[in-house]
Amino acid sequence: APSRVTANLVHFMPGARTHWHRHPLGQTVFVTEG
């Protein structure tokens, strides 16, 4: 703090996925591979 931003590089193996979810302040996803 006072920064409010986090960023993670997330690697999903074939067939892997998040559960349903929501972000109170929104989310940007930028695809880098696959």
All heavy atoms as atom14 arrays in JSON, in Angstrom:
{
  "sequence": "APSRVTANLVHFMPGARTHWHRHPLGQTVFVTEG",
  "atom14_mask": [
    [1, 1, 1, 1, 1, 0, 0, 0, 0, 0, 0, 0, 0, 0],
    [1, 1, 1, 1, 1, 1, 1, 0, 0, 0, 0, 0, 0, 0],
    [1, 1, 1, 1, 1, 1, 0, 0, 0, 0, 0, 0, 0, 0],
    [1, 1, 1, 1, 1, 1, 1, 1, 1, 1, 1, 0, 0, 0],
    [1, 1, 1, 1, 1, 1, 1, 0, 0, 0, 0, 0, 0, 0],
    [1, 1, 1, 1, 1, 1, 1, 0, 0, 0, 0, 0, 0, 0],
    [1, 1, 1, 1, 1, 0, 0, 0, 0, 0, 0, 0, 0, 0],
    [1, 1, 1, 1, 1, 1, 1, 1, 0, 0, 0, 0, 0, 0],
    [1, 1, 1, 1, 1, 1, 1, 1, 0, 0, 0, 0, 0, 0],
    [1, 1, 1, 1, 1, 1, 1, 0, 0, 0, 0, 0, 0, 0],
    [1, 1, 1, 1, 1, 1, 1, 1, 1, 1, 0, 0, 0, 0],
    [1, 1, 1, 1, 1, 1, 1, 1, 1, 1, 1, 0, 0, 0],
    [1, 1, 1, 1, 1, 1, 1, 1, 0, 0, 0, 0, 0, 0],
    [1, 1, 1, 1, 1, 1, 1, 0, 0, 0, 0, 0, 0, 0],
    [1, 1, 1, 1, 0, 0, 0, 0, 0, 0, 0, 0, 0, 0],
    [1, 1, 1, 1, 1, 0, 0, 0, 0, 0, 0, 0, 0, 0],
    [1, 1, 1, 1, 1, 1, 1, 1, 1, 1, 1, 0, 0, 0],
    [1, 1, 1, 1, 1, 1, 1, 0, 0, 0, 0, 0, 0, 0],
    [1, 1, 1, 1, 1, 1, 1, 1, 1, 1, 0, 0, 0, 0],
    [1, 1, 1, 1, 1, 1, 1, 1, 1, 1, 1, 1, 1, 1],
    [1, 1, 1, 1, 1, 1, 1, 1, 1, 1, 0, 0, 0, 0],
    [1, 1, 1, 1, 1, 1, 1, 1, 1, 1, 1, 0, 0, 0],
    [1, 1, 1, 1, 1, 1, 1, 1, 1, 1, 0, 0, 0, 0],
    [1, 1, 1, 1, 1, 1, 1, 0, 0, 0, 0, 0, 0, 0],
    [1, 1, 1, 1, 1, 1, 1, 1, 0, 0, 0, 0, 0, 0],
    [1, 1, 1, 1, 0, 0, 0, 0, 0, 0, 0, 0, 0, 0],
    [1, 1, 1, 1, 1, 1, 1, 1, 1, 0, 0, 0, 0, 0],
    [1, 1, 1, 1, 1, 1, 1, 0, 0, 0, 0, 0, 0, 0],
    [1, 1, 1, 1, 1, 1, 1, 0, 0, 0, 0, 0, 0, 0],
    [1, 1, 1, 1, 1, 1, 1, 1, 1, 1, 1, 0, 0, 0],
    [1, 1, 1, 1, 1, 1, 1, 0, 0, 0, 0, 0, 0, 0],
    [1, 1, 1, 1, 1, 1, 1, 0, 0, 0, 0, 0, 0, 0],
    [1, 1, 1, 1, 1, 1, 1, 1, 1, 0, 0, 0, 0, 0],
    [1, 1, 1, 1, 0, 0, 0, 0, 0, 0, 0, 0, 0, 0]
  ],
  "atom14_positions": [
    [[0.86, -1.19, 0.0], [0.0, 0.0, 0.0], [0.89, 1.25, 0.0], [1.98, 1.22, 0.57], [-0.91, -0.02, 1.22], [0.0, 0.0, 0.0], [0.0, 0.0, 0.0], [0.0, 0.0, 0.0], [0.0, 0.0, 0.0], [0.0, 0.0, 0.0], [0.0, 0.0, 0.0], [0.0, 0.0, 0.0], [0.0, 0.0, 0.0], [0.0, 0.0, 0.0]],
    [[0.48, 2.27, -0.68], [-0.86, 2.54, -1.17], [-1.17, 1.96, -2.55], [-2.25, 2.19, -3.07], [-0.92, 4.06, -1.22], [0.48, 4.46, -1.56], [1.36, 3.44, -0.85], [0.0, 0.0, 0.0], [0.0, 0.0, 0.0], [0.0, 0.0, 0.0], [0.0, 0.0, 0.0], [0.0, 0.0, 0.0], [0.0, 0.0, 0.0], [0.0, 0.0, 0.0]],
    [[-0.25, 1.2, -3.15], [-0.54, 0.56, -4.43], [-1.77, -0.32, -4.28], [-1.97, -0.95, -3.23], [0.65, -0.27, -4.9], [0.3, -0.96, -6.08], [0.0, 0.0, 0.0], [0.0, 0.0, 0.0], [0.0, 0.0, 0.0], [0.0, 0.0, 0.0], [0.0, 0.0, 0.0], [0.0, 0.0, 0.0], [0.0, 0.0, 0.0], [0.0, 0.0, 0.0]],
    [[-2.58, -0.39, -5.32], [-3.8, -1.19, -5.28], [-3.81, -2.28, -6.33], [-4.78, -3.01, -6.46], [-5.0, -0.26, -5.52], [-5.16, 0.8, -4.46], [-6.11, 1.91, -4.84], [-7.17, 1.57, -5.74], [-8.43, 1.97, -5.61], [-8.78, 2.7, -4.6], [-9.33, 1.64, -6.49], [0.0, 0.0, 0.0], [0.0, 0.0, 0.0], [0.0, 0.0, 0.0]],
    [[-2.75, -2.39, -7.12], [-2.74, -3.3, -8.26], [-1.86, -4.53, -7.98], [-0.78, -4.41, -7.4], [-2.23, -2.58, -9.52], [-2.12, -3.53, -10.7], [-3.14, -1.41, -9.86], [0.0, 0.0, 0.0], [0.0, 0.0, 0.0], [0.0, 0.0, 0.0], [0.0, 0.0, 0.0], [0.0, 0.0, 0.0], [0.0, 0.0, 0.0], [0.0, 0.0, 0.0]],
    [[-2.36, -5.69, -8.4], [-1.57, -6.91, -8.39], [-1.63, -7.51, -9.79], [-2.61, -7.31, -10.52], [-2.1, -7.95, -7.38], [-3.43, -8.31, -7.72], [-2.05, -7.42, -5.96], [0.0, 0.0, 0.0], [0.0, 0.0, 0.0], [0.0, 0.0, 0.0], [0.0, 0.0, 0.0], [0.0, 0.0, 0.0], [0.0, 0.0, 0.0], [0.0, 0.0, 0.0]],
    [[-0.58, -8.23, -10.14], [-0.54, -8.92, -11.43], [0.12, -10.26, -11.24], [1.12, -10.38, -10.52], [0.21, -8.08, -12.46], [0.0, 0.0, 0.0], [0.0, 0.0, 0.0], [0.0, 0.0, 0.0], [0.0, 0.0, 0.0], [0.0, 0.0, 0.0], [0.0, 0.0, 0.0], [0.0, 0.0, 0.0], [0.0, 0.0, 0.0], [0.0, 0.0, 0.0]],
    [[-0.46, -11.27, -11.86], [0.08, -12.63, -11.8], [0.09, -13.23, -13.19], [-0.85, -13.04, -13.97], [-0.79, -13.52, -10.89], [-0.7, -13.1, -9.45], [0.33, -13.23, -8.83], [-1.8, -12.59, -8.92], [0.0, 0.0, 0.0], [0.0, 0.0, 0.0], [0.0, 0.0, 0.0], [0.0, 0.0, 0.0], [0.0, 0.0, 0.0], [0.0, 0.0, 0.0]],
    [[1.17, -13.96, -13.49], [1.24, -14.75, -14.7], [0.69, -16.13, -14.33], [1.23, -16.79, -13.44], [2.68, -14.84, -15.19], [2.9, -15.2, -16.64], [2.19, -14.24, -17.58], [4.38, -15.23, -16.94], [0.0, 0.0, 0.0], [0.0, 0.0, 0.0], [0.0, 0.0, 0.0], [0.0, 0.0, 0.0], [0.0, 0.0, 0.0], [0.0, 0.0, 0.0]],
    [[-0.41, -16.53, -14.97], [-1.1, -17.76, -14.59], [-0.99, -18.76, -15.73], [-1.36, -18.46, -16.87], [-2.57, -17.48, -14.23], [-3.24, -18.74, -13.68], [-2.68, -16.33, -13.23], [0.0, 0.0, 0.0], [0.0, 0.0, 0.0], [0.0, 0.0, 0.0], [0.0, 0.0, 0.0], [0.0, 0.0, 0.0], [0.0, 0.0, 0.0], [0.0, 0.0, 0.0]],
    [[-0.46, -19.94, -15.42], [-0.22, -21.01, -16.39], [-1.28, -22.09, -16.2], [-1.31, -22.74, -15.15], [1.16, -21.63, -16.19], [2.27, -20.62, -16.13], [3.13, -20.41, -17.17], [2.64, -19.75, -15.16], [3.99, -19.46, -16.84], [3.71, -19.05, -15.62], [0.0, 0.0, 0.0], [0.0, 0.0, 0.0], [0.0, 0.0, 0.0], [0.0, 0.0, 0.0]],
    [[-2.12, -22.31, -17.2], [-3.16, -23.33, -17.16], [-2.74, -24.49, -18.06], [-2.52, -24.29, -19.25], [-4.49, -22.78, -17.69], [-5.09, -21.68, -16.87], [-4.71, -20.36, -17.05], [-6.08, -21.96, -15.94], [-5.3, -19.34, -16.32], [-6.67, -20.94, -15.2], [-6.28, -19.63, -15.39], [0.0, 0.0, 0.0], [0.0, 0.0, 0.0], [0.0, 0.0, 0.0]],
    [[-2.64, -25.68, -17.51], [-2.37, -26.86, -18.32], [-3.64, -27.2, -19.11], [-4.74, -26.76, -18.75], [-1.94, -28.04, -17.45], [-0.63, -27.79, -16.69], [0.77, -27.35, -17.75], [0.95, -25.59, -17.4], [0.0, 0.0, 0.0], [0.0, 0.0, 0.0], [0.0, 0.0, 0.0], [0.0, 0.0, 0.0], [0.0, 0.0, 0.0], [0.0, 0.0, 0.0]],
    [[-3.55, -27.99, -20.2], [-4.74, -28.29, -20.99], [-5.9, -28.76, -20.1], [-5.74, -29.6, -19.23], [-4.26, -29.41, -21.92], [-2.8, -29.1, -22.12], [-2.34, -28.62, -20.75], [0.0, 0.0, 0.0], [0.0, 0.0, 0.0], [0.0, 0.0, 0.0], [0.0, 0.0, 0.0], [0.0, 0.0, 0.0], [0.0, 0.0, 0.0], [0.0, 0.0, 0.0]],
    [[-7.06, -28.16, -20.34], [-8.27, -28.5, -19.6], [-8.43, -27.82, -18.26], [-9.49, -27.89, -17.65], [0.0, 0.0, 0.0], [0.0, 0.0, 0.0], [0.0, 0.0, 0.0], [0.0, 0.0, 0.0], [0.0, 0.0, 0.0], [0.0, 0.0, 0.0], [0.0, 0.0, 0.0], [0.0, 0.0, 0.0], [0.0, 0.0, 0.0], [0.0, 0.0, 0.0]],
    [[-7.39, -27.16, -17.76], [-7.47, -26.5, -16.44], [-8.22, -25.18, -16.56], [-8.19, -24.52, -17.6], [-6.08, -26.27, -15.88], [0.0, 0.0, 0.0], [0.0, 0.0, 0.0], [0.0, 0.0, 0.0], [0.0, 0.0, 0.0], [0.0, 0.0, 0.0], [0.0, 0.0, 0.0], [0.0, 0.0, 0.0], [0.0, 0.0, 0.0], [0.0, 0.0, 0.0]],
    [[-8.89, -24.8, -15.47], [-9.69, -23.59, -15.49], [-9.94, -23.08, -14.08], [-9.81, -23.82, -13.11], [-11.02, -23.83, -16.18], [-11.81, -24.97, -15.52], [-12.85, -25.52, -16.48], [-13.65, -26.59, -15.93], [-13.44, -27.88, -16.13], [-12.39, -28.29, -16.83], [-14.26, -28.78, -15.64], [0.0, 0.0, 0.0], [0.0, 0.0, 0.0], [0.0, 0.0, 0.0]],
    [[-10.3, -21.81, -13.99], [-10.7, -21.25, -12.71], [-12.08, -21.78, -12.35], [-12.8, -22.32, -13.2], [-10.8, -19.7, -12.75], [-11.89, -19.33, -13.6], [-9.5, -19.06, -13.22], [0.0, 0.0, 0.0], [0.0, 0.0, 0.0], [0.0, 0.0, 0.0], [0.0, 0.0, 0.0], [0.0, 0.0, 0.0], [0.0, 0.0, 0.0], [0.0, 0.0, 0.0]],
    [[-12.48, -21.58, -11.1], [-13.87, -21.72, -10.73], [-14.57, -20.43, -11.15], [-13.93, -19.44, -11.52], [-14.0, -21.9, -9.22], [-13.5, -23.23, -8.74], [-13.64, -23.67, -7.46], [-12.84, -24.24, -9.38], [-13.11, -24.87, -7.31], [-12.61, -25.23, -8.47], [0.0, 0.0, 0.0], [0.0, 0.0, 0.0], [0.0, 0.0, 0.0], [0.0, 0.0, 0.0]],
    [[-15.89, -20.42, -11.1], [-16.61, -19.17, -11.27], [-16.11, -18.21, -10.19], [-15.84, -18.63, -9.07], [-18.11, -19.38, -11.12], [-18.76, -20.06, -12.28], [-19.11, -21.38, -12.37], [-19.14, -19.47, -13.52], [-19.68, -21.64, -13.58], [-19.72, -20.48, -14.31], [-19.06, -18.17, -14.03], [-20.21, -20.23, -15.59], [-19.54, -17.93, -15.3], [-20.12, -18.94, -16.07]],
    [[-15.98, -16.95, -10.52], [-15.55, -15.97, -9.54], [-15.91, -14.57, -10.02], [-16.37, -14.39, -11.15], [-14.04, -16.09, -9.27], [-13.17, -15.84, -10.46], [-13.04, -16.75, -11.5], [-12.37, -14.81, -10.79], [-12.2, -16.28, -12.41], [-11.78, -15.08, -12.01], [0.0, 0.0, 0.0], [0.0, 0.0, 0.0], [0.0, 0.0, 0.0], [0.0, 0.0, 0.0]],
    [[-15.69, -13.6, -9.14], [-15.94, -12.21, -9.5], [-14.91, -11.33, -8.78], [-14.39, -11.71, -7.74], [-17.36, -11.78, -9.15], [-17.71, -11.9, -7.69], [-19.2, -11.6, -7.43], [-19.52, -11.8, -6.04], [-19.3, -10.91, -5.06], [-18.74, -9.74, -5.35], [-19.63, -11.16, -3.83], [0.0, 0.0, 0.0], [0.0, 0.0, 0.0], [0.0, 0.0, 0.0]],
    [[-14.63, -10.2, -9.38], [-13.68, -9.23, -8.83], [-14.43, -7.93, -8.56], [-14.94, -7.32, -9.5], [-12.53, -8.98, -9.82], [-11.79, -10.21, -10.19], [-10.75, -10.69, -9.44], [-11.97, -11.09, -11.21], [-10.3, -11.81, -10.0], [-11.02, -12.06, -11.06], [0.0, 0.0, 0.0], [0.0, 0.0, 0.0], [0.0, 0.0, 0.0], [0.0, 0.0, 0.0]],
    [[-14.51, -7.49, -7.29], [-15.26, -6.28, -6.97], [-14.8, -5.04, -7.74], [-15.61, -4.14, -7.98], [-15.04, -6.12, -5.47], [-14.86, -7.52, -4.98], [-14.07, -8.19, -6.07], [0.0, 0.0, 0.0], [0.0, 0.0, 0.0], [0.0, 0.0, 0.0], [0.0, 0.0, 0.0], [0.0, 0.0, 0.0], [0.0, 0.0, 0.0], [0.0, 0.0, 0.0]],
    [[-13.54, -4.99, -8.14], [-13.04, -3.83, -8.9], [-12.68, -4.19, -10.34], [-11.99, -3.44, -11.02], [-11.85, -3.2, -8.17], [-12.18, -2.63, -6.79], [-10.92, -2.12, -6.1], [-13.23, -1.53, -6.87], [0.0, 0.0, 0.0], [0.0, 0.0, 0.0], [0.0, 0.0, 0.0], [0.0, 0.0, 0.0], [0.0, 0.0, 0.0], [0.0, 0.0, 0.0]],
    [[-13.14, -5.34, -10.82], [-12.88, -5.76, -12.19], [-11.54, -6.48, -12.35], [-10.74, -6.56, -11.42], [0.0, 0.0, 0.0], [0.0, 0.0, 0.0], [0.0, 0.0, 0.0], [0.0, 0.0, 0.0], [0.0, 0.0, 0.0], [0.0, 0.0, 0.0], [0.0, 0.0, 0.0], [0.0, 0.0, 0.0], [0.0, 0.0, 0.0], [0.0, 0.0, 0.0]],
    [[-11.32, -7.01, -13.56], [-10.09, -7.73, -13.86], [-9.78, -7.63, -15.34], [-10.68, -7.7, -16.18], [-10.22, -9.22, -13.5], [-8.96, -10.03, -13.82], [-9.15, -11.51, -13.57], [-10.12, -12.11, -13.99], [-8.19, -12.11, -12.87], [0.0, 0.0, 0.0], [0.0, 0.0, 0.0], [0.0, 0.0, 0.0], [0.0, 0.0, 0.0], [0.0, 0.0, 0.0]],
    [[-8.5, -7.45, -15.65], [-8.01, -7.56, -17.02], [-7.21, -8.84, -17.13], [-6.36, -9.14, -16.28], [-7.1, -6.37, -17.39], [-7.87, -5.16, -17.34], [-6.52, -6.53, -18.79], [0.0, 0.0, 0.0], [0.0, 0.0, 0.0], [0.0, 0.0, 0.0], [0.0, 0.0, 0.0], [0.0, 0.0, 0.0], [0.0, 0.0, 0.0], [0.0, 0.0, 0.0]],
    [[-7.47, -9.6, -18.19], [-6.71, -10.8, -18.52], [-6.08, -10.56, -19.88], [-6.78, -10.2, -20.83], [-7.64, -12.04, -18.55], [-6.95, -13.23, -19.17], [-8.13, -12.38, -17.15], [0.0, 0.0, 0.0], [0.0, 0.0, 0.0], [0.0, 0.0, 0.0], [0.0, 0.0, 0.0], [0.0, 0.0, 0.0], [0.0, 0.0, 0.0], [0.0, 0.0, 0.0]],
    [[-4.75, -10.76, -19.98], [-4.03, -10.59, -21.24], [-3.34, -11.92, -21.56], [-2.47, -12.37, -20.81], [-2.99, -9.47, -21.14], [-2.24, -9.23, -22.41], [-2.81, -8.51, -23.44], [-0.97, -9.75, -22.57], [-2.12, -8.3, -24.63], [-0.26, -9.55, -23.76], [-0.85, -8.82, -24.79], [0.0, 0.0, 0.0], [0.0, 0.0, 0.0], [0.0, 0.0, 0.0]],
    [[-3.75, -12.56, -22.65], [-3.23, -13.88, -23.02], [-1.86, -13.73, -23.65], [-1.67, -12.94, -24.59], [-4.19, -14.61, -23.98], [-3.65, -15.99, -24.34], [-5.59, -14.72, -23.37], [0.0, 0.0, 0.0], [0.0, 0.0, 0.0], [0.0, 0.0, 0.0], [0.0, 0.0, 0.0], [0.0, 0.0, 0.0], [0.0, 0.0, 0.0], [0.0, 0.0, 0.0]],
    [[-0.87, -14.5, -23.14], [0.49, -14.44, -23.67], [0.89, -15.67, -24.47], [1.75, -15.58, -25.33], [1.51, -14.23, -22.53], [1.44, -15.34, -21.63], [1.24, -12.93, -21.78], [0.0, 0.0, 0.0], [0.0, 0.0, 0.0], [0.0, 0.0, 0.0], [0.0, 0.0, 0.0], [0.0, 0.0, 0.0], [0.0, 0.0, 0.0], [0.0, 0.0, 0.0]],
    [[0.28, -16.83, -24.16], [0.63, -18.07, -24.85], [-0.56, -19.0, -24.92], [-1.43, -18.97, -24.05], [1.73, -18.83, -24.09], [3.07, -18.15, -24.01], [4.07, -19.01, -23.25], [4.28, -20.17, -23.63], [4.6, -18.51, -22.26], [0.0, 0.0, 0.0], [0.0, 0.0, 0.0], [0.0, 0.0, 0.0], [0.0, 0.0, 0.0], [0.0, 0.0, 0.0]],
    [[-0.57, -19.86, -25.94], [-1.54, -20.94, -26.01], [-2.92, -20.5, -26.47], [-3.11, -19.46, -27.09], [0.0, 0.0, 0.0], [0.0, 0.0, 0.0], [0.0, 0.0, 0.0], [0.0, 0.0, 0.0], [0.0, 0.0, 0.0], [0.0, 0.0, 0.0], [0.0, 0.0, 0.0], [0.0, 0.0, 0.0], [0.0, 0.0, 0.0], [0.0, 0.0, 0.0]]
  ]
}
